[in-house]
Amino acid sequence: MESHSKSASVGCAIDDCCPALYSDDVVVATGRGRDRPGLCESFVRVVVSCGCQVLDMAQFLLEGSLVFTFVFSMGNQDSMRVIMELLECAHATGLKLDFHFPSAASGADQRGQYSRSRAQSIGQRVDAGLAASAGSRMAVLNVVRNGPITASLLHDIDTVLEEFECTVIEIEHRSDNKIENNGELSKVSLRLTCPSDLLLS
């Protein structure tokens, strides 16, 4: 009960007390899975090693499963690198990790409500042979824009792909494909599996 009330107090702080949490570079990550020592620390270590700032965090046990939430600011860091490293950590520890973007759901009538769409499949490692045997096929999606590739953009792309039962298995975003380096455009390539009957154009 003590850890549960701690989670409630953190939720209040996120919703009502910190306008900075609604800036574009803030991400709320929620992990769920089997509890073992050092799990939360491993994720926080990734965030800190990427040069991000942890703003708030909470954890509690629910029916034998660990649930933890941490809020962090990416600042000027490479959002793709941060998201991918966190997903790699989740994959290695066997946890399910969701991302929410408060700024995407904030506004005059929506303050304090998080986007509930999940970005669970980004970075998920799927063996190509198993995908083929399951009736899936491989595809490559190239995204080009005249601005940076942000975590919220990846979140939106993944939401659409998830609707078509596609799964991202690899993301490539080379330094020379960043607008801040080439002065022209940003490009990201996503390799994914998709249903065999999905029409690709």
Protein backbone atom coordinates (compact mmCIF):
# COMPACT_ATOMS: atom_id res chain seq x y z
CA MET A 1 0.00 0.00 0.00
CA GLU A 2 2.83 2.36 0.74
CA SER A 3 4.41 1.97 -2.70
CA HIS A 4 0.95 2.22 -4.32
CA SER A 5 0.28 5.59 -2.64
CA LYS A 6 3.68 6.74 -3.82
CA SER A 7 2.59 6.00 -7.37
CA ALA A 8 -0.61 8.02 -6.84
CA SER A 9 1.33 11.03 -5.57
CA VAL A 10 3.65 10.90 -8.56
CA GLY A 11 0.64 10.75 -10.88
CA CYS A 12 -0.74 13.88 -9.25
CA ALA A 13 2.58 15.65 -9.77
CA ILE A 14 2.61 14.67 -13.44
CA ASP A 15 -0.95 15.83 -14.08
CA ASP A 16 -1.22 19.01 -12.08
CA CYS A 17 2.03 20.43 -10.81
CA CYS A 18 4.66 20.47 -13.54
CA PRO A 19 3.86 22.39 -16.74
CA ALA A 20 7.37 21.51 -17.97
CA LEU A 21 6.22 17.90 -18.30
CA TYR A 22 4.11 18.93 -21.29
CA SER A 23 7.04 20.09 -23.41
CA ASP A 24 7.79 18.28 -26.65
CA ASP A 25 10.89 16.47 -25.36
CA VAL A 26 9.23 14.75 -22.38
CA VAL A 27 8.42 11.04 -22.47
CA VAL A 28 6.54 8.89 -19.95
CA ALA A 29 7.67 5.25 -20.00
CA THR A 30 5.74 2.49 -18.22
CA GLY A 31 7.19 -0.98 -17.72
CA ARG A 32 5.38 -4.14 -16.63
CA GLY A 33 6.69 -7.60 -15.92
CA ARG A 34 8.10 -10.04 -13.43
CA ASP A 35 9.84 -8.34 -10.53
CA ARG A 36 13.55 -8.91 -9.95
CA PRO A 37 16.27 -6.87 -8.27
CA GLY A 38 17.77 -4.00 -10.26
CA LEU A 39 15.15 -3.78 -13.01
CA CYS A 40 14.21 -0.12 -12.55
CA GLU A 41 17.83 0.87 -12.08
CA SER A 42 18.78 -0.69 -15.41
CA PHE A 43 16.27 1.49 -17.27
CA VAL A 44 17.22 4.65 -15.41
CA ARG A 45 20.87 3.88 -16.17
CA VAL A 46 20.05 3.82 -19.90
CA VAL A 47 18.26 7.17 -19.68
CA VAL A 48 21.11 8.81 -17.79
CA SER A 49 23.81 7.30 -20.02
CA CYS A 50 22.03 8.81 -23.04
CA GLY A 51 22.31 12.27 -21.47
CA CYS A 52 18.62 12.58 -20.57
CA GLN A 53 17.18 13.90 -17.32
CA VAL A 54 14.88 11.80 -15.12
CA LEU A 55 12.05 14.06 -13.89
CA ASP A 56 9.96 11.66 -11.84
CA MET A 57 9.48 7.95 -11.18
CA ALA A 58 7.40 5.47 -9.20
CA GLN A 59 7.09 1.71 -8.84
CA PHE A 60 4.79 -0.80 -7.15
CA LEU A 61 3.84 -4.47 -7.19
CA LEU A 62 0.45 -5.41 -8.61
CA GLU A 63 -0.64 -9.05 -8.20
CA GLY A 64 2.97 -10.18 -8.19
CA SER A 65 4.00 -8.13 -11.21
CA LEU A 66 6.19 -5.05 -11.15
CA VAL A 67 4.75 -1.84 -12.58
CA PHE A 68 7.04 1.16 -12.81
CA THR A 69 6.75 4.54 -14.47
CA PHE A 70 9.47 7.06 -15.09
CA VAL A 71 9.25 10.46 -16.72
CA PHE A 72 12.28 11.86 -18.48
CA SER A 73 13.30 14.76 -20.67
CA MET A 74 15.32 14.00 -23.80
CA GLY A 75 16.46 17.60 -24.29
CA ASN A 76 18.68 17.78 -27.36
CA GLN A 77 19.57 14.09 -27.35
CA ASP A 78 18.92 11.75 -30.28
CA SER A 79 15.36 10.61 -29.52
CA MET A 80 15.64 7.52 -31.69
CA ARG A 81 18.76 6.32 -29.90
CA VAL A 82 17.11 6.78 -26.50
CA ILE A 83 13.91 4.95 -27.46
CA MET A 84 15.79 2.11 -29.13
CA GLU A 85 18.16 1.61 -26.19
CA LEU A 86 15.24 1.50 -23.77
CA LEU A 87 13.46 -1.07 -25.94
CA GLU A 88 16.64 -3.14 -26.14
CA CYS A 89 16.80 -3.04 -22.34
CA ALA A 90 13.13 -4.10 -22.12
CA HIS A 91 13.78 -6.96 -24.54
CA ALA A 92 16.80 -8.13 -22.54
CA THR A 93 14.92 -8.06 -19.23
CA GLY A 94 11.69 -9.56 -20.55
CA LEU A 95 9.56 -6.55 -19.71
CA LYS A 96 6.77 -4.90 -21.69
CA LEU A 97 7.49 -1.19 -22.16
CA ASP A 98 5.00 1.46 -23.29
CA PHE A 99 5.70 5.09 -24.19
CA HIS A 100 3.36 8.04 -23.75
CA PHE A 101 3.86 11.61 -24.95
CA PRO A 102 2.10 14.13 -22.67
CA SER A 103 2.51 17.02 -25.11
CA ALA A 104 0.56 15.12 -27.77
CA ALA A 105 -2.50 15.00 -25.53
CA SER A 106 -2.20 18.36 -23.77
CA GLY A 107 -4.24 21.40 -24.74
CA ALA A 108 -6.92 23.76 -23.48
CA ASP A 109 -9.42 20.94 -22.87
CA GLN A 110 -7.06 17.96 -22.54
CA ARG A 111 -4.42 18.96 -19.99
CA GLY A 112 -3.15 16.04 -17.97
CA GLN A 113 -4.38 13.33 -20.34
CA TYR A 114 -1.78 11.08 -21.91
CA SER A 115 -1.91 9.64 -25.37
CA ARG A 116 -2.91 6.00 -24.82
CA SER A 117 -1.62 4.69 -28.11
CA ARG A 118 1.22 2.28 -27.50
CA ALA A 119 4.57 2.05 -29.16
CA GLN A 120 5.16 -1.52 -28.04
CA SER A 121 6.28 -2.94 -31.36
CA ILE A 122 9.03 -0.41 -32.15
CA GLY A 123 12.36 -2.15 -31.89
CA GLN A 124 10.84 -5.58 -31.36
CA ARG A 125 13.24 -8.21 -32.68
CA VAL A 126 11.56 -10.75 -34.94
CA ASP A 127 13.45 -13.49 -36.73
CA ALA A 128 12.87 -13.15 -40.50
CA GLY A 129 12.60 -16.90 -41.00
CA LEU A 130 9.95 -17.25 -38.31
CA ALA A 131 8.08 -14.30 -39.79
CA ALA A 132 8.07 -15.95 -43.21
CA SER A 133 6.88 -19.27 -41.84
CA ALA A 134 4.05 -17.46 -40.04
CA GLY A 135 2.74 -16.09 -43.33
CA SER A 136 4.33 -12.65 -43.07
CA ARG A 137 6.59 -10.87 -45.50
CA MET A 138 9.32 -8.29 -45.15
CA ALA A 139 9.05 -4.67 -46.26
CA VAL A 140 11.09 -1.48 -45.97
CA LEU A 141 9.47 1.87 -45.20
CA ASN A 142 11.48 5.04 -45.88
CA VAL A 143 10.32 8.23 -44.17
CA VAL A 144 11.68 11.59 -45.35
CA ARG A 145 10.83 14.98 -43.83
CA ASN A 146 12.22 18.50 -43.73
CA GLY A 147 12.67 18.38 -39.97
CA PRO A 148 14.08 16.09 -37.27
CA ILE A 149 12.86 12.52 -36.76
CA THR A 150 11.30 12.72 -33.29
CA ALA A 151 10.12 10.07 -30.85
CA SER A 152 6.52 11.27 -31.21
CA LEU A 153 6.75 10.85 -35.00
CA LEU A 154 7.96 7.26 -34.56
CA HIS A 155 5.12 6.71 -32.11
CA ASP A 156 2.55 7.91 -34.67
CA ILE A 157 4.08 5.80 -37.45
CA ASP A 158 4.06 2.72 -35.23
CA THR A 159 0.43 3.33 -34.28
CA VAL A 160 -0.57 3.25 -37.96
CA LEU A 161 1.58 0.20 -38.68
CA GLU A 162 0.07 -1.60 -35.71
CA GLU A 163 -3.42 -1.04 -37.16
CA PHE A 164 -2.30 -2.99 -40.24
CA GLU A 165 -0.69 -5.71 -38.08
CA CYS A 166 2.82 -4.71 -39.14
CA THR A 167 5.77 -5.00 -36.76
CA VAL A 168 8.93 -2.90 -36.90
CA ILE A 169 12.01 -5.09 -36.47
CA GLU A 170 14.79 -2.66 -37.31
CA ILE A 171 15.23 1.11 -37.57
CA GLU A 172 18.12 2.76 -39.40
CA HIS A 173 18.79 6.47 -39.00
CA ARG A 174 22.35 7.30 -40.04
CA SER A 175 24.00 10.53 -38.92
CA ASP A 176 24.29 11.74 -42.51
CA ASN A 177 20.51 11.36 -42.85
CA LYS A 178 19.82 13.95 -40.16
CA ILE A 179 18.82 17.46 -41.19
CA GLU A 180 21.10 18.99 -38.57
CA ASN A 181 24.05 17.33 -40.32
CA ASN A 182 23.17 17.55 -44.02
CA GLY A 183 21.17 20.79 -43.93
CA GLU A 184 18.46 19.39 -46.22
CA LEU A 185 16.24 16.54 -45.03
CA SER A 186 15.95 13.83 -42.40
CA LYS A 187 15.45 10.22 -43.46
CA VAL A 188 14.72 7.08 -41.47
CA SER A 189 14.34 3.53 -42.80
CA LEU A 190 12.15 0.98 -41.04
CA ARG A 191 12.34 -2.74 -41.81
CA LEU A 192 9.13 -4.49 -40.87
CA THR A 193 7.05 -7.60 -41.21
CA CYS A 194 3.52 -7.34 -42.57
CA PRO A 195 0.67 -9.75 -43.38
CA SER A 196 1.08 -11.54 -46.70
CA ASP A 197 -2.29 -10.26 -47.93
CA LEU A 198 -1.53 -6.59 -47.18
CA LEU A 199 -1.44 -4.51 -50.37
CA LEU A 200 1.83 -2.58 -50.65
CA SER A 201 2.22 0.22 -53.18
